[in-house]
Protein backbone atom coordinates (compact mmCIF):
# COMPACT_ATOMS: atom_id res chain seq x y z
CA MET A 1 -12.18 -9.69 -12.70
CA GLU A 2 -15.23 -8.15 -14.55
CA LEU A 3 -13.60 -4.85 -14.58
CA GLU A 4 -10.38 -6.19 -16.24
CA ALA A 5 -12.45 -8.05 -18.83
CA ASN A 6 -14.53 -4.92 -19.70
CA GLN A 7 -14.41 -3.33 -23.10
CA VAL A 8 -13.28 -0.12 -21.54
CA PRO A 9 -9.81 -0.59 -20.23
CA HIS A 10 -9.59 -0.60 -16.32
CA GLU A 11 -6.37 -0.32 -14.48
CA ILE A 12 -6.42 -1.58 -10.88
CA ILE A 13 -4.62 0.49 -8.37
CA TYR A 14 -4.17 -0.56 -4.87
CA VAL A 15 -4.06 2.12 -2.17
CA ASP A 16 -3.57 2.04 1.59
CA GLU A 17 -2.08 3.87 4.51
CA ASP A 18 0.39 2.72 7.15
CA GLY A 19 2.26 4.13 10.07
CA PHE A 20 5.86 4.02 11.03
CA ASN A 21 8.06 4.88 14.04
CA LEU A 22 11.66 4.37 14.74
CA ALA A 23 10.78 2.53 17.92
CA LYS A 24 9.64 -0.39 15.68
CA ARG A 25 12.59 -2.60 15.10
CA ARG A 26 13.38 -6.24 14.18
CA ARG A 27 12.52 -8.49 17.02
CA ARG A 28 15.79 -10.27 17.31
CA GLY A 29 19.25 -9.54 18.67
CA ARG A 30 22.61 -11.13 19.56
CA ASN A 31 23.85 -12.36 22.95
CA ILE A 32 27.01 -13.51 24.50
CA ILE A 33 26.90 -17.17 25.51
CA GLY A 34 25.37 -17.48 28.89
CA GLN A 35 23.87 -14.01 28.88
CA ARG A 36 20.36 -12.77 27.74
CA ALA A 37 19.94 -11.43 24.32
CA THR A 38 19.13 -7.72 24.25
CA VAL A 39 18.01 -5.38 21.58
CA THR A 40 18.73 -1.58 21.73
CA VAL A 41 15.78 0.60 20.94
CA PRO A 42 15.31 4.43 21.05
CA GLY A 43 14.68 6.06 24.36
CA GLN A 44 11.86 8.20 22.83
CA ARG A 45 9.35 7.14 20.33
CA GLY A 46 9.17 10.32 18.54
CA ALA A 47 6.34 11.22 16.17
CA ASN A 48 4.43 8.68 14.27
CA ILE A 49 4.73 9.09 10.50
CA THR A 50 2.01 7.78 8.15
CA MET A 51 2.53 7.04 4.53
CA CYS A 52 -0.20 6.61 1.93
CA ALA A 53 0.84 4.64 -1.11
CA ALA A 54 -0.52 3.47 -4.44
CA ILE A 55 0.75 0.51 -6.36
CA SER A 56 -0.19 -1.29 -9.59
CA ASN A 57 1.39 -3.62 -12.14
CA ASN A 58 3.56 -0.66 -13.06
CA GLY A 59 5.11 -0.44 -9.60
CA ALA A 60 4.85 2.15 -6.86
CA LEU A 61 2.97 4.92 -8.47
CA LEU A 62 2.91 7.47 -5.57
CA HIS A 63 3.76 7.76 -1.89
CA LYS A 64 3.27 10.63 0.45
CA CYS A 65 4.37 10.72 4.15
CA GLN A 66 2.74 12.83 6.87
CA ILE A 67 3.38 13.27 10.52
CA GLY A 68 0.47 11.92 12.34
CA PRO A 69 -2.42 9.92 10.97
CA TYR A 70 -4.19 10.26 7.65
CA ASN A 71 -7.67 11.77 7.54
CA THR A 72 -10.14 12.84 4.81
CA ASP A 73 -8.33 16.13 3.92
CA ARG A 74 -4.92 14.45 3.58
CA LEU A 75 -6.53 11.66 1.60
CA LEU A 76 -8.06 14.08 -0.94
CA LEU A 77 -4.68 15.71 -1.50
CA PHE A 78 -3.16 12.34 -2.22
CA LEU A 79 -5.98 11.51 -4.58
CA GLU A 80 -5.37 14.82 -6.42
CA ASP A 81 -1.76 14.06 -6.81
CA LEU A 82 -2.54 10.53 -8.09
CA HIS A 83 -5.02 11.88 -10.51
CA GLU A 84 -2.54 14.43 -11.98
CA ARG A 85 0.10 11.63 -12.32
CA LEU A 86 -2.31 9.19 -13.99
CA VAL A 87 -4.42 11.35 -16.30
CA PRO A 88 -2.72 13.73 -18.73
CA GLU A 89 -3.83 17.28 -18.53
CA VAL A 90 -5.33 17.24 -22.13
CA GLU A 91 -7.44 14.14 -21.11
CA ARG A 92 -8.95 15.46 -17.84
CA GLY A 93 -12.66 15.55 -17.86
CA GLN A 94 -12.83 13.22 -20.89
CA VAL A 95 -14.28 9.81 -20.95
CA GLY A 96 -14.36 7.21 -23.75
CA ASP A 97 -13.91 3.63 -24.72
CA HIS A 98 -10.21 4.22 -25.60
CA LEU A 99 -9.49 6.01 -22.27
CA PRO A 100 -8.71 3.86 -19.25
CA ILE A 101 -10.59 4.06 -15.96
CA TYR A 102 -8.39 3.88 -12.86
CA VAL A 103 -9.89 1.82 -10.23
CA ILE A 104 -8.75 2.70 -6.72
CA THR A 105 -9.01 -0.59 -4.72
CA TRP A 106 -8.74 -0.27 -0.94
CA ASP A 107 -10.16 -1.25 2.44
CA ASN A 108 -13.19 -0.04 4.37
CA VAL A 109 -11.61 2.40 6.73
CA ALA A 110 -14.23 5.11 7.72
CA PHE A 111 -12.72 8.14 5.93
CA HIS A 112 -12.55 6.12 2.60
CA HIS A 113 -16.41 6.27 2.73
CA SER A 114 -16.67 9.90 3.69
CA ARG A 115 -18.95 12.24 1.63
CA ALA A 116 -16.05 14.33 0.63
CA VAL A 117 -14.21 11.33 -0.86
CA THR A 118 -17.38 10.10 -2.58
CA ALA A 119 -17.98 13.58 -4.16
CA TRP A 120 -14.33 13.63 -5.27
CA PHE A 121 -14.78 10.53 -7.30
CA ASP A 122 -18.08 11.80 -8.70
CA ALA A 123 -16.17 14.85 -10.00
CA HIS A 124 -13.34 12.82 -11.55
CA PRO A 125 -15.02 10.35 -14.03
CA ARG A 126 -11.67 8.70 -14.94
CA MET A 127 -11.24 7.51 -11.32
CA MET A 128 -13.35 4.85 -9.63
CA SER A 129 -13.47 3.59 -6.10
CA HIS A 130 -13.73 -0.11 -5.32
CA PHE A 131 -13.88 -1.54 -1.68
CA LEU A 132 -12.55 -4.88 -0.78
CA ALA A 133 -14.63 -7.27 1.37
CA PRO A 134 -14.23 -6.59 5.18
CA TYR A 135 -11.40 -8.33 6.89
CA SER A 136 -9.74 -9.34 3.67
CA PRO A 137 -6.20 -7.90 3.72
CA PHE A 138 -5.00 -11.04 1.70
CA LEU A 139 -6.83 -9.54 -1.28
CA ASN A 140 -4.92 -6.27 -1.17
CA PRO A 141 -1.32 -6.76 -2.42
CA ILE A 142 -0.22 -3.42 -0.99
CA GLU A 143 -0.12 -5.11 2.39
CA GLU A 144 2.92 -7.04 1.12
CA PHE A 145 4.30 -3.74 -0.26
CA PHE A 146 4.20 -2.20 3.15
CA SER A 147 5.71 -5.28 4.85
CA ALA A 148 8.64 -5.28 2.45
CA TRP A 149 8.97 -1.50 2.71
CA ARG A 150 9.34 -1.57 6.54
CA TRP A 151 12.49 -3.90 6.29
CA LYS A 152 13.93 -1.80 3.64
CA VAL A 153 13.67 1.37 5.77
CA PHE A 154 15.75 -0.26 8.42
CA ASP A 155 18.27 -1.35 5.82
CA HIS A 156 18.97 2.39 5.23
CA ARG A 157 19.76 2.82 8.98
CA PRO A 158 17.62 5.90 9.61
CA HIS A 159 19.00 6.18 13.17
CA ASP A 160 22.47 7.37 12.08
CA GLN A 161 22.79 7.55 8.35
CA MET A 162 19.76 9.65 7.23
CA SER A 163 16.51 11.04 8.42
CA LEU A 164 13.50 8.80 8.77
CA LEU A 165 11.75 10.59 6.02
CA ASP A 166 14.60 10.10 3.70
CA ALA A 167 14.96 6.43 4.54
CA MET A 168 11.22 6.00 3.82
CA ASP A 169 11.45 7.56 0.40
CA ALA A 170 14.59 5.53 -0.28
CA ALA A 171 12.93 2.27 0.64
CA CYS A 172 10.11 2.94 -1.78
CA GLN A 173 12.68 3.34 -4.66
CA ASP A 174 14.04 -0.07 -3.79
CA ILE A 175 10.85 -1.82 -4.61
CA THR A 176 10.47 -2.59 -8.26
CA ALA A 177 7.52 -3.20 -10.64
CA GLU A 178 8.48 -6.87 -10.58
CA HIS A 179 7.92 -6.97 -6.87
CA CYS A 180 4.51 -5.42 -7.16
CA GLN A 181 3.48 -7.74 -9.95
CA GLY A 182 4.41 -10.70 -7.86
CA TRP A 183 2.26 -9.54 -4.90
CA ILE A 184 -0.62 -8.88 -7.21
CA ARG A 185 -0.36 -12.46 -8.78
CA HIS A 186 -0.28 -13.78 -5.23
CA ALA A 187 -3.44 -11.98 -4.14
CA LYS A 188 -5.32 -13.21 -7.26
CA ARG A 189 -4.64 -16.76 -6.31
CA PHE A 190 -7.34 -16.33 -3.67
CA PHE A 191 -9.97 -15.25 -6.28
CA PRO A 192 -11.25 -18.73 -7.15
CA ARG A 193 -11.86 -19.64 -3.45
CA CYS A 194 -13.58 -16.24 -2.96
CA LEU A 195 -15.85 -16.88 -6.06
CA ALA A 196 -16.68 -20.32 -4.58
CA ARG A 197 -17.88 -18.59 -1.43
CA GLU A 198 -15.21 -20.12 0.83
CA ASP A 199 -14.63 -18.43 4.18
CA ILE A 200 -10.92 -18.25 3.92
CA ARG A 201 -10.35 -15.33 6.18
CA CYS A 202 -9.82 -17.54 9.29
CA ASP A 203 -7.20 -19.77 7.67
CA VAL A 204 -5.04 -17.12 6.02
CA ASP A 205 -2.03 -16.87 8.34
CA GLU A 206 1.61 -16.01 8.17
CA ASN A 207 2.45 -19.38 6.75
CA MET A 208 0.23 -18.74 3.64
CA TRP A 209 2.00 -15.48 2.78
CA PRO A 210 5.28 -15.36 1.10
CA ASN A 211 8.02 -13.79 3.25
CA ALA A 212 7.86 -10.14 2.39
CA GLU A 213 11.52 -9.62 3.11
CA ASP A 214 12.40 -12.38 0.56
CA TRP A 215 10.13 -10.88 -1.98
CA ALA A 216 11.99 -7.55 -1.59
CA GLU A 217 15.49 -9.04 -2.02
């Protein structure tokens, strides 16, 4: 809130990583009366694919998929691509009251705190790192983005109509700036309680979150 009220414009960008595998499916199925419901799943799990994404009030800014988990090296490549997308070439290396600062807001996973990532932010003055409080996913609207994105991947039927990577990219295109703005507004509703020093981590459950699938419709 202080950054948004600062004289120098600050744009808040939410970043996170999430994994995906075709073996993850909706936990529901159909059954014939008198028989047990069954759900068909792939016989083999296949490789896990991890996507790193960045969203803001302008929508989904960037997403990159990798086979296997994200690490420091992959994260640095993502940050470089994000920097190139946000900061015009003629403005790189420049700072000033009229130039916005892009605040990367994310969780406290270990490689977000690595020396290489810290050094990267030191070398890019227009980019700033801001960590959320531990165990506070409700303050990061990108969690809702990933929840809605998962359902939309399945809507593209990656088993038989397109590859998983193509379905993951197509699902991101289905999520609009309006969706991201709604998730950001919802996360900000917790700000007054956080400022009042309430411990709300234990009572934030599924009933308090809007259904991500409905948000994405």
